[in-house]
Amino acid sequence: IVDSINHLVGIAVAWLTVLMVINVFVVVVLRYVFSIGFVWLQELYVWSHAAVFLLGAGYTLLHEGHVRIDVIYRKSSVRYKSIVNILGIIIFAIPLLYLIFEKSWPLISRSWENLERSAEAGGMPGVFILKSLIAVFAVLFGLQFFSLLVKSLNDLLWSSNASNPQSEADIGGKK
């Protein structure tokens, strides 16, 4: 279920990037061709950019797109990869995401209480929605890490080839 949710969010984010490119193009044409500028339109692509990174993190993890130390990891056994994943999730990912969620919640809550809007005249209303994406990021990314943890535990405990290194073609499920 978690993988499906992050996959669907990732597809939506991909379309958001297309809209973001169109938005930037419109801003540039309006500004440099017609000498017209709208603060809200400029803020919109900044917000879209933030949304792409915050909402796309779980999708990227699902498809193993985050940077790793592949020199060692790539040619390692399933067992070794599982242990690295489990330790990394428990030692780094869970505490970091908990900290992000806990420390951002008061900021998000205050923003909602005040129905915060852009500080710029003519800027975007609804800054509280943008700030809420921080919590959504922590939840989606955390759920995807939990999914990876379960898969890694399964591989560690039940994989028949847990001690055999994978070929490069098998990495990331690409066969």
N, C-alpha and C. Protein backbone atom coordinates (compact mmCIF):
# COMPACT_ATOMS: atom_id res chain seq x y z
N ILE A 1 0.84 -1.20 0.00
CA ILE A 1 0.00 0.00 0.00
C ILE A 1 0.88 1.25 0.00
N VAL A 2 1.90 1.25 0.87
CA VAL A 2 2.80 2.41 0.96
C VAL A 2 3.49 2.65 -0.37
N ASP A 3 3.99 1.58 -0.98
CA ASP A 3 4.66 1.72 -2.27
C ASP A 3 3.72 2.30 -3.32
N SER A 4 2.48 1.85 -3.32
CA SER A 4 1.49 2.35 -4.28
C SER A 4 1.19 3.83 -4.05
N ILE A 5 1.07 4.21 -2.78
CA ILE A 5 0.79 5.62 -2.46
C ILE A 5 1.93 6.50 -2.95
N ASN A 6 3.17 6.12 -2.61
CA ASN A 6 4.31 6.94 -3.02
C ASN A 6 4.49 6.92 -4.53
N HIS A 7 4.14 5.81 -5.17
CA HIS A 7 4.22 5.76 -6.63
C HIS A 7 3.23 6.75 -7.26
N LEU A 8 2.01 6.75 -6.76
CA LEU A 8 0.99 7.68 -7.28
C LEU A 8 1.37 9.13 -7.00
N VAL A 9 1.88 9.40 -5.81
CA VAL A 9 2.33 10.76 -5.49
C VAL A 9 3.47 11.15 -6.43
N GLY A 10 4.37 10.22 -6.71
CA GLY A 10 5.48 10.50 -7.62
C GLY A 10 5.01 10.84 -9.02
N ILE A 11 3.99 10.15 -9.50
CA ILE A 11 3.44 10.46 -10.83
C ILE A 11 2.83 11.86 -10.82
N ALA A 12 2.10 12.19 -9.76
CA ALA A 12 1.52 13.54 -9.65
C ALA A 12 2.61 14.60 -9.61
N VAL A 13 3.69 14.31 -8.90
CA VAL A 13 4.82 15.25 -8.81
C VAL A 13 5.48 15.42 -10.17
N ALA A 14 5.56 14.34 -10.94
CA ALA A 14 6.13 14.44 -12.29
C ALA A 14 5.33 15.42 -13.13
N TRP A 15 4.01 15.35 -13.04
CA TRP A 15 3.16 16.29 -13.77
C TRP A 15 3.31 17.70 -13.21
N LEU A 16 3.52 17.80 -11.91
CA LEU A 16 3.74 19.12 -11.31
C LEU A 16 5.00 19.77 -11.87
N THR A 17 6.03 18.96 -12.14
CA THR A 17 7.25 19.54 -12.71
C THR A 17 7.00 20.10 -14.11
N VAL A 18 6.14 19.43 -14.87
CA VAL A 18 5.79 19.95 -16.20
C VAL A 18 5.08 21.30 -16.05
N LEU A 19 4.13 21.36 -15.13
CA LEU A 19 3.42 22.63 -14.89
C LEU A 19 4.38 23.70 -14.38
N MET A 20 5.36 23.30 -13.58
CA MET A 20 6.34 24.24 -13.06
C MET A 20 7.18 24.84 -14.20
N VAL A 21 7.58 24.02 -15.13
CA VAL A 21 8.36 24.50 -16.28
C VAL A 21 7.52 25.49 -17.10
N ILE A 22 6.26 25.17 -17.32
CA ILE A 22 5.37 26.08 -18.05
C ILE A 22 5.22 27.38 -17.28
N ASN A 23 5.08 27.29 -15.96
CA ASN A 23 4.96 28.47 -15.11
C ASN A 23 6.19 29.37 -15.22
N VAL A 24 7.37 28.78 -15.16
CA VAL A 24 8.61 29.56 -15.27
C VAL A 24 8.69 30.21 -16.65
N PHE A 25 8.33 29.48 -17.69
CA PHE A 25 8.33 30.03 -19.04
C PHE A 25 7.41 31.25 -19.14
N VAL A 26 6.21 31.13 -18.58
CA VAL A 26 5.25 32.24 -18.61
C VAL A 26 5.80 33.44 -17.85
N VAL A 27 6.40 33.20 -16.69
CA VAL A 27 6.99 34.30 -15.90
C VAL A 27 8.06 35.01 -16.70
N VAL A 28 8.94 34.25 -17.35
CA VAL A 28 10.03 34.84 -18.12
C VAL A 28 9.49 35.64 -19.31
N VAL A 29 8.54 35.08 -20.04
CA VAL A 29 7.97 35.79 -21.19
C VAL A 29 7.26 37.06 -20.74
N LEU A 30 6.44 36.96 -19.71
CA LEU A 30 5.73 38.15 -19.22
C LEU A 30 6.71 39.23 -18.77
N ARG A 31 7.74 38.81 -18.06
CA ARG A 31 8.68 39.78 -17.50
C ARG A 31 9.59 40.41 -18.55
N TYR A 32 10.20 39.59 -19.39
CA TYR A 32 11.21 40.11 -20.31
C TYR A 32 10.69 40.52 -21.68
N VAL A 33 9.54 40.02 -22.05
CA VAL A 33 8.96 40.42 -23.33
C VAL A 33 7.94 41.54 -23.15
N PHE A 34 7.10 41.41 -22.13
CA PHE A 34 6.02 42.38 -21.94
C PHE A 34 6.23 43.30 -20.73
N SER A 35 7.32 43.13 -20.01
CA SER A 35 7.62 43.93 -18.80
C SER A 35 6.47 43.89 -17.79
N ILE A 36 5.88 42.72 -17.64
CA ILE A 36 4.80 42.51 -16.68
C ILE A 36 5.28 41.48 -15.66
N GLY A 37 5.01 41.76 -14.40
CA GLY A 37 5.39 40.80 -13.36
C GLY A 37 4.28 40.62 -12.34
N PHE A 38 4.08 39.39 -11.95
CA PHE A 38 3.12 39.06 -10.90
C PHE A 38 3.86 38.31 -9.80
N VAL A 39 3.82 38.86 -8.59
CA VAL A 39 4.52 38.24 -7.47
C VAL A 39 3.98 36.83 -7.24
N TRP A 40 2.67 36.68 -7.26
CA TRP A 40 2.08 35.36 -6.99
C TRP A 40 2.52 34.32 -8.01
N LEU A 41 2.71 34.74 -9.26
CA LEU A 41 3.13 33.81 -10.30
C LEU A 41 4.59 33.39 -10.09
N GLN A 42 5.41 34.34 -9.64
CA GLN A 42 6.80 34.01 -9.34
C GLN A 42 6.89 33.10 -8.11
N GLU A 43 6.08 33.39 -7.11
CA GLU A 43 6.08 32.55 -5.91
C GLU A 43 5.56 31.15 -6.22
N LEU A 44 4.66 31.06 -7.18
CA LEU A 44 4.07 29.77 -7.52
C LEU A 44 5.12 28.76 -7.96
N TYR A 45 6.11 29.20 -8.75
CA TYR A 45 7.11 28.22 -9.17
C TYR A 45 8.08 27.88 -8.05
N VAL A 46 8.29 28.80 -7.12
CA VAL A 46 9.11 28.47 -5.95
C VAL A 46 8.38 27.44 -5.09
N TRP A 47 7.09 27.65 -4.89
CA TRP A 47 6.29 26.71 -4.11
C TRP A 47 6.23 25.35 -4.80
N SER A 48 6.07 25.36 -6.11
CA SER A 48 6.03 24.11 -6.86
C SER A 48 7.34 23.35 -6.72
N HIS A 49 8.43 24.08 -6.76
CA HIS A 49 9.75 23.48 -6.60
C HIS A 49 9.86 22.81 -5.24
N ALA A 50 9.41 23.50 -4.20
CA ALA A 50 9.43 22.92 -2.85
C ALA A 50 8.55 21.68 -2.79
N ALA A 51 7.38 21.74 -3.38
CA ALA A 51 6.46 20.60 -3.37
C ALA A 51 7.06 19.39 -4.09
N VAL A 52 7.76 19.63 -5.18
CA VAL A 52 8.39 18.54 -5.93
C VAL A 52 9.37 17.78 -5.04
N PHE A 53 10.22 18.52 -4.33
CA PHE A 53 11.21 17.86 -3.49
C PHE A 53 10.59 17.22 -2.26
N LEU A 54 9.66 17.91 -1.62
CA LEU A 54 9.06 17.37 -0.40
C LEU A 54 8.18 16.15 -0.69
N LEU A 55 7.40 16.21 -1.74
CA LEU A 55 6.49 15.12 -2.05
C LEU A 55 7.15 13.99 -2.84
N GLY A 56 8.23 14.30 -3.54
CA GLY A 56 8.89 13.29 -4.37
C GLY A 56 9.93 12.45 -3.66
N ALA A 57 10.23 12.75 -2.42
CA ALA A 57 11.28 12.02 -1.70
C ALA A 57 10.94 10.54 -1.51
N GLY A 58 9.70 10.25 -1.14
CA GLY A 58 9.29 8.86 -0.95
C GLY A 58 9.32 8.07 -2.25
N TYR A 59 8.89 8.69 -3.34
CA TYR A 59 8.92 8.06 -4.66
C TYR A 59 10.37 7.76 -5.06
N THR A 60 11.25 8.70 -4.80
CA THR A 60 12.66 8.51 -5.14
C THR A 60 13.26 7.37 -4.34
N LEU A 61 12.90 7.28 -3.06
CA LEU A 61 13.38 6.17 -2.23
C LEU A 61 12.82 4.84 -2.74
N LEU A 62 11.56 4.83 -3.09
CA LEU A 62 10.91 3.62 -3.62
C LEU A 62 11.68 3.08 -4.82
N HIS A 63 12.14 3.96 -5.69
CA HIS A 63 12.84 3.56 -6.91
C HIS A 63 14.35 3.66 -6.79
N GLU A 64 14.84 3.67 -5.54
CA GLU A 64 16.27 3.67 -5.23
C GLU A 64 17.03 4.77 -5.96
N GLY A 65 16.47 5.96 -5.96
CA GLY A 65 17.08 7.08 -6.67
C GLY A 65 17.92 7.99 -5.80
N HIS A 66 17.94 7.74 -4.48
CA HIS A 66 18.74 8.59 -3.61
C HIS A 66 20.21 8.17 -3.68
N VAL A 67 21.09 9.09 -3.41
CA VAL A 67 22.52 8.85 -3.49
C VAL A 67 22.95 7.89 -2.38
N ARG A 68 23.75 6.93 -2.75
CA ARG A 68 24.32 5.99 -1.79
C ARG A 68 25.80 5.84 -2.11
N ILE A 69 26.48 5.13 -1.24
CA ILE A 69 27.87 4.80 -1.51
C ILE A 69 27.86 3.51 -2.32
N ASP A 70 27.62 3.66 -3.61
CA ASP A 70 27.41 2.50 -4.47
C ASP A 70 28.67 1.69 -4.74
N VAL A 71 29.84 2.26 -4.49
CA VAL A 71 31.08 1.52 -4.75
C VAL A 71 31.08 0.23 -3.93
N ILE A 72 30.64 0.32 -2.68
CA ILE A 72 30.60 -0.85 -1.81
C ILE A 72 29.26 -1.56 -1.93
N TYR A 73 28.19 -0.81 -1.91
CA TYR A 73 26.83 -1.34 -1.83
C TYR A 73 26.43 -2.14 -3.07
N ARG A 74 26.80 -1.66 -4.23
CA ARG A 74 26.32 -2.23 -5.49
C ARG A 74 26.63 -3.72 -5.64
N LYS A 75 27.85 -4.11 -5.31
CA LYS A 75 28.26 -5.50 -5.56
C LYS A 75 28.15 -6.38 -4.31
N SER A 76 27.51 -5.86 -3.29
CA SER A 76 27.39 -6.61 -2.04
C SER A 76 26.26 -7.63 -2.10
N SER A 77 26.30 -8.54 -1.14
CA SER A 77 25.25 -9.56 -1.05
C SER A 77 23.94 -8.94 -0.58
N VAL A 78 22.87 -9.67 -0.79
CA VAL A 78 21.55 -9.24 -0.34
C VAL A 78 21.57 -9.07 1.18
N ARG A 79 22.25 -9.98 1.87
CA ARG A 79 22.35 -9.92 3.34
C ARG A 79 23.03 -8.62 3.78
N TYR A 80 24.15 -8.30 3.17
CA TYR A 80 24.88 -7.09 3.54
C TYR A 80 24.03 -5.84 3.26
N LYS A 81 23.39 -5.81 2.10
CA LYS A 81 22.53 -4.67 1.76
C LYS A 81 21.39 -4.53 2.75
N SER A 82 20.82 -5.66 3.14
CA SER A 82 19.72 -5.63 4.10
C SER A 82 20.18 -5.07 5.44
N ILE A 83 21.34 -5.51 5.89
CA ILE A 83 21.88 -5.01 7.17
C ILE A 83 22.16 -3.52 7.08
N VAL A 84 22.77 -3.07 5.99
CA VAL A 84 23.05 -1.64 5.80
C VAL A 84 21.75 -0.84 5.80
N ASN A 85 20.75 -1.33 5.08
CA ASN A 85 19.45 -0.65 5.04
C ASN A 85 18.81 -0.58 6.42
N ILE A 86 18.78 -1.70 7.12
CA ILE A 86 18.15 -1.74 8.44
C ILE A 86 18.84 -0.79 9.41
N LEU A 87 20.16 -0.85 9.47
CA LEU A 87 20.90 0.04 10.38
C LEU A 87 20.74 1.50 9.98
N GLY A 88 20.81 1.78 8.70
CA GLY A 88 20.64 3.16 8.24
C GLY A 88 19.28 3.73 8.58
N ILE A 89 18.25 2.91 8.42
CA ILE A 89 16.89 3.37 8.73
C ILE A 89 16.74 3.60 10.22
N ILE A 90 17.21 2.65 11.04
CA ILE A 90 17.04 2.76 12.49
C ILE A 90 17.91 3.88 13.08
N ILE A 91 19.15 3.98 12.63
CA ILE A 91 20.08 4.95 13.22
C ILE A 91 19.90 6.35 12.65
N PHE A 92 19.63 6.47 11.36
CA PHE A 92 19.59 7.79 10.74
C PHE A 92 18.18 8.25 10.33
N ALA A 93 17.49 7.45 9.54
CA ALA A 93 16.23 7.91 8.94
C ALA A 93 15.14 8.17 9.96
N ILE A 94 14.87 7.20 10.82
CA ILE A 94 13.77 7.36 11.78
C ILE A 94 14.01 8.55 12.71
N PRO A 95 15.20 8.66 13.34
CA PRO A 95 15.41 9.83 14.21
C PRO A 95 15.33 11.17 13.46
N LEU A 96 15.88 11.22 12.25
CA LEU A 96 15.85 12.46 11.49
C LEU A 96 14.43 12.86 11.12
N LEU A 97 13.66 11.92 10.63
CA LEU A 97 12.28 12.23 10.23
C LEU A 97 11.42 12.58 11.44
N TYR A 98 11.65 11.91 12.56
CA TYR A 98 10.93 12.26 13.79
C TYR A 98 11.26 13.69 14.19
N LEU A 99 12.54 14.04 14.14
CA LEU A 99 12.97 15.39 14.49
C LEU A 99 12.35 16.43 13.55
N ILE A 100 12.36 16.15 12.27
CA ILE A 100 11.76 17.07 11.30
C ILE A 100 10.28 17.27 11.60
N PHE A 101 9.57 16.17 11.84
CA PHE A 101 8.13 16.26 12.11
C PHE A 101 7.88 17.02 13.42
N GLU A 102 8.60 16.64 14.47
CA GLU A 102 8.37 17.25 15.78
C GLU A 102 8.69 18.75 15.78
N LYS A 103 9.79 19.12 15.18
CA LYS A 103 10.21 20.53 15.19
C LYS A 103 9.40 21.39 14.22
N SER A 104 8.85 20.79 13.18
CA SER A 104 8.07 21.57 12.22
C SER A 104 6.61 21.73 12.64
N TRP A 105 6.12 20.85 13.50
CA TRP A 105 4.71 20.87 13.85
C TRP A 105 4.26 22.20 14.46
N PRO A 106 4.99 22.79 15.42
CA PRO A 106 4.56 24.09 15.95
C PRO A 106 4.52 25.18 14.87
N LEU A 107 5.48 25.16 13.97
CA LEU A 107 5.52 26.11 12.87
C LEU A 107 4.29 25.94 11.97
N ILE A 108 3.97 24.71 11.66
CA ILE A 108 2.81 24.42 10.81
C ILE A 108 1.52 24.80 11.52
N SER A 109 1.44 24.45 12.78
CA SER A 109 0.24 24.74 13.56
C SER A 109 -0.03 26.24 13.66
N ARG A 110 1.02 27.01 13.97
CA ARG A 110 0.87 28.48 14.03
C ARG A 110 0.47 29.05 12.68
N SER A 111 1.04 28.50 11.63
CA SER A 111 0.72 28.96 10.29
C SER A 111 -0.75 28.74 9.97
N TRP A 112 -1.29 27.59 10.37
CA TRP A 112 -2.71 27.30 10.15
C TRP A 112 -3.60 28.20 11.02
N GLU A 113 -3.19 28.41 12.28
CA GLU A 113 -3.97 29.27 13.18
C GLU A 113 -4.11 30.68 12.62
N ASN A 114 -3.05 31.17 12.01
CA ASN A 114 -3.05 32.53 11.47
C ASN A 114 -3.45 32.59 10.00
N LEU A 115 -3.72 31.44 9.40
CA LEU A 115 -3.97 31.36 7.96
C LEU A 115 -2.93 32.19 7.20
N GLU A 116 -1.68 31.87 7.51
CA GLU A 116 -0.53 32.62 7.00
C GLU A 116 -0.55 32.74 5.48
N ARG A 117 -0.17 33.91 5.02
CA ARG A 117 -0.06 34.16 3.59
C ARG A 117 1.32 34.75 3.32
N SER A 118 1.63 34.97 2.08
CA SER A 118 2.93 35.51 1.68
C SER A 118 3.15 36.88 2.31
N ALA A 119 4.39 37.14 2.66
CA ALA A 119 4.75 38.45 3.21
C ALA A 119 4.81 39.51 2.11
N GLU A 120 4.88 39.09 0.88
CA GLU A 120 4.96 40.01 -0.25
C GLU A 120 3.58 40.51 -0.66
N ALA A 121 3.49 41.78 -0.98
CA ALA A 121 2.23 42.32 -1.49
C ALA A 121 1.92 41.64 -2.82
N GLY A 122 0.72 41.14 -2.96
CA GLY A 122 0.35 40.44 -4.19
C GLY A 122 0.87 39.02 -4.25
N GLY A 123 1.39 38.53 -3.12
CA GLY A 123 1.94 37.17 -3.10
C GLY A 123 0.86 36.12 -2.91
N MET A 124 1.30 34.90 -2.83
CA MET A 124 0.38 33.76 -2.71
C MET A 124 -0.28 33.71 -1.34
N PRO A 125 -1.57 33.46 -1.31
CA PRO A 125 -2.21 33.16 -0.02
C PRO A 125 -1.92 31.70 0.33
N GLY A 126 -2.15 31.33 1.54
CA GLY A 126 -2.05 29.91 1.89
C GLY A 126 -0.66 29.38 2.12
N VAL A 127 0.22 30.18 2.71
CA VAL A 127 1.55 29.68 3.06
C VAL A 127 1.42 28.47 3.99
N PHE A 128 0.35 28.45 4.77
CA PHE A 128 0.12 27.33 5.70
C PHE A 128 0.03 26.00 4.96
N ILE A 129 -0.47 26.00 3.75
CA ILE A 129 -0.54 24.76 2.96
C ILE A 129 0.86 24.31 2.57
N LEU A 130 1.67 25.27 2.13
CA LEU A 130 3.05 24.95 1.77
C LEU A 130 3.81 24.40 2.97
N LYS A 131 3.65 25.04 4.13
CA LYS A 131 4.36 24.57 5.33
C LYS A 131 3.88 23.18 5.75
N SER A 132 2.64 22.86 5.46
CA SER A 132 2.10 21.54 5.80
C SER A 132 2.80 20.43 5.03
N LEU A 133 3.37 20.78 3.89
CA LEU A 133 4.08 19.78 3.09
C LEU A 133 5.31 19.24 3.82
N ILE A 134 5.82 19.99 4.79
CA ILE A 134 6.95 19.49 5.59
C ILE A 134 6.52 18.25 6.36
N ALA A 135 5.34 18.32 6.99
CA ALA A 135 4.82 17.16 7.73
C ALA A 135 4.46 16.03 6.77
N VAL A 136 3.88 16.37 5.64
CA VAL A 136 3.52 15.34 4.65
C VAL A 136 4.80 14.64 4.17
N PHE A 137 5.85 15.42 3.94
CA PHE A 137 7.15 14.85 3.56
C PHE A 137 7.61 13.84 4.60
N ALA A 138 7.60 14.24 5.87
CA ALA A 138 8.08 13.36 6.93
C ALA A 138 7.26 12.07 6.99
N VAL A 139 5.96 12.18 6.81
CA VAL A 139 5.09 11.00 6.87
C VAL A 139 5.31 10.09 5.65
N LEU A 140 5.27 10.65 4.44
CA LEU A 140 5.45 9.83 3.24
C LEU A 140 6.83 9.19 3.18
N PHE A 141 7.84 9.97 3.51
CA PHE A 141 9.21 9.46 3.50
C PHE A 141 9.38 8.41 4.59
N GLY A 142 8.81 8.68 5.77
CA GLY A 142 8.88 7.73 6.87
C GLY A 142 8.18 6.42 6.54
N LEU A 143 7.01 6.50 5.93
CA LEU A 143 6.30 5.28 5.52
C LEU A 143 7.10 4.49 4.49
N GLN A 144 7.76 5.20 3.57
CA GLN A 144 8.55 4.50 2.56
C GLN A 144 9.77 3.86 3.20
N PHE A 145 10.37 4.52 4.19
CA PHE A 145 11.48 3.90 4.92
C PHE A 145 10.99 2.67 5.68
N PHE A 146 9.79 2.74 6.25
CA PHE A 146 9.22 1.58 6.95
C PHE A 146 9.03 0.43 5.96
N SER A 147 8.54 0.72 4.78
CA SER A 147 8.38 -0.30 3.74
C SER A 147 9.73 -0.92 3.39
N LEU A 148 10.75 -0.08 3.24
CA LEU A 148 12.09 -0.59 2.95
C LEU A 148 12.62 -1.43 4.11
N LEU A 149 12.33 -1.02 5.33
CA LEU A 149 12.74 -1.77 6.51
C LEU A 149 12.12 -3.17 6.50
N VAL A 150 10.83 -3.25 6.23
CA VAL A 150 10.14 -4.54 6.17
C VAL A 150 10.73 -5.41 5.06
N LYS A 151 10.96 -4.83 3.90
CA LYS A 151 11.55 -5.58 2.78
C LYS A 151 12.95 -6.07 3.13
N SER A 152 13.74 -5.21 3.78
CA SER A 152 15.11 -5.58 4.14
C SER A 152 15.11 -6.67 5.20
N LEU A 153 14.21 -6.58 6.18
CA LEU A 153 14.09 -7.65 7.19
C LEU A 153 13.68 -8.96 6.53
N ASN A 154 12.76 -8.88 5.60
CA ASN A 154 12.32 -10.06 4.86
C ASN A 154 13.48 -10.67 4.08
N ASP A 155 14.24 -9.82 3.39
CA ASP A 155 15.40 -10.31 2.64
C ASP A 155 16.44 -10.94 3.57
N LEU A 156 16.67 -10.30 4.70
CA LEU A 156 17.67 -10.79 5.64
C LEU A 156 17.26 -12.15 6.22
N LEU A 157 16.00 -12.29 6.54
CA LEU A 157 15.54 -13.52 7.21
C LEU A 157 15.17 -14.65 6.26
N TRP A 158 14.65 -14.32 5.08
CA TRP A 158 14.06 -15.36 4.24
C TRP A 158 14.67 -15.51 2.85
N SER A 159 15.55 -14.63 2.45
CA SER A 159 16.08 -14.71 1.09
C SER A 159 16.99 -15.92 0.94
N SER A 160 16.76 -16.71 -0.11
CA SER A 160 17.56 -17.91 -0.34
C SER A 160 18.96 -17.56 -0.84
N ASN A 161 19.11 -16.40 -1.45
CA ASN A 161 20.42 -16.00 -1.96
C ASN A 161 20.99 -14.86 -1.14
N ALA A 162 20.72 -14.88 0.17
CA ALA A 162 21.13 -13.77 1.03
C ALA A 162 22.63 -13.58 1.07
N SER A 163 23.41 -14.64 0.82
CA SER A 163 24.85 -14.47 0.88
C SER A 163 25.49 -14.34 -0.49
N ASN A 164 24.69 -14.43 -1.54
CA ASN A 164 25.22 -14.32 -2.90
C ASN A 164 25.13 -12.89 -3.40
N PRO A 165 26.24 -12.36 -3.91
CA PRO A 165 26.17 -11.01 -4.48
C PRO A 165 25.25 -10.99 -5.69
N GLN A 166 24.58 -9.89 -5.88
CA GLN A 166 23.72 -9.73 -7.05
C GLN A 166 24.55 -9.26 -8.22
N SER A 167 24.11 -9.62 -9.39
CA SER A 167 24.75 -9.07 -10.57
C SER A 167 24.26 -7.65 -10.76
N GLU A 168 24.99 -6.87 -11.53
CA GLU A 168 24.60 -5.48 -11.75
C GLU A 168 23.23 -5.38 -12.39
N ALA A 169 22.85 -6.37 -13.18
CA ALA A 169 21.54 -6.33 -13.84
C ALA A 169 20.40 -6.51 -12.85
N ASP A 170 20.68 -7.15 -11.71
CA ASP A 170 19.63 -7.39 -10.71
C ASP A 170 19.43 -6.20 -9.77
N ILE A 171 20.34 -5.27 -9.76
CA ILE A 171 20.26 -4.15 -8.82
C ILE A 171 19.06 -3.29 -9.13
N GLY A 172 18.33 -2.96 -8.08
CA GLY A 172 17.17 -2.10 -8.23
C GLY A 172 16.00 -2.77 -8.93
N GLY A 173 16.01 -4.08 -8.95
CA GLY A 173 14.89 -4.78 -9.57
C GLY A 173 14.92 -4.75 -11.09
N LYS A 174 16.03 -4.30 -11.68
CA LYS A 174 16.14 -4.22 -13.14
C LYS A 174 16.78 -5.51 -13.63
N LYS A 175 15.99 -6.30 -14.30
CA LYS A 175 16.52 -7.58 -14.78
C LYS A 175 16.48 -7.64 -16.27
